[in-house]
Protein backbone atom coordinates (compact mmCIF):
# COMPACT_ATOMS: atom_id res chain seq x y z
CA UNK A 1 4.13 -1.63 -11.00
CA UNK A 2 5.73 -4.40 -11.22
CA UNK A 3 8.78 -6.23 -8.13
CA UNK A 4 11.14 -5.84 -10.01
CA UNK A 5 10.04 -1.59 -10.47
CA UNK A 6 9.42 -1.34 -7.00
CA UNK A 7 12.46 -2.99 -5.63
CA UNK A 8 14.25 0.25 -6.19
CA UNK A 9 11.86 2.36 -4.05
CA UNK A 10 11.72 -0.20 -1.43
CA UNK A 11 15.59 -0.65 -1.14
CA UNK A 12 16.40 2.69 -1.37
CA UNK A 13 13.49 3.86 1.51
CA UNK A 14 11.55 5.82 -0.65
CA UNK A 15 8.23 4.79 0.26
CA UNK A 16 6.22 6.46 2.80
CA UNK A 17 3.16 5.29 4.90
CA UNK A 18 -0.24 4.77 3.66
CA UNK A 19 -1.85 8.16 4.73
CA UNK A 20 -5.15 6.14 4.80
CA UNK A 21 -7.55 9.24 6.09
CA UNK A 22 -6.14 11.34 3.16
CA UNK A 23 -7.38 8.41 0.80
CA UNK A 24 -10.52 8.87 2.80
CA UNK A 25 -10.41 5.63 4.56
CA UNK A 26 -11.16 5.93 8.43
CA UNK A 27 -8.57 3.31 9.16
CA UNK A 28 -5.84 0.63 8.05
CA UNK A 29 -7.97 -2.27 7.97
CA UNK A 30 -10.84 -0.20 5.61
CA UNK A 31 -7.83 -0.52 3.06
CA UNK A 32 -7.18 -3.52 3.65
CA UNK A 33 -10.91 -4.74 2.97
CA UNK A 34 -10.76 -2.46 -0.27
CA UNK A 35 -8.38 -4.92 -1.95
CA UNK A 36 -9.99 -7.91 -3.72
CA UNK A 37 -9.62 -10.99 -1.43
CA UNK A 38 -6.29 -12.35 -1.73
CA UNK A 39 -4.54 -9.30 -3.02
CA UNK A 40 -3.29 -8.18 0.11
CA UNK A 41 -1.78 -11.76 1.32
């Protein structure tokens, strides 16, 4: 999703925190570590 499309969700507070356990990760850092280096910075 492009930032232009995401913006409406962000400003209207339609986002929820990542439930890392439901996604199969032991902690939030594991979610970050699953991404290609530099994607989440």
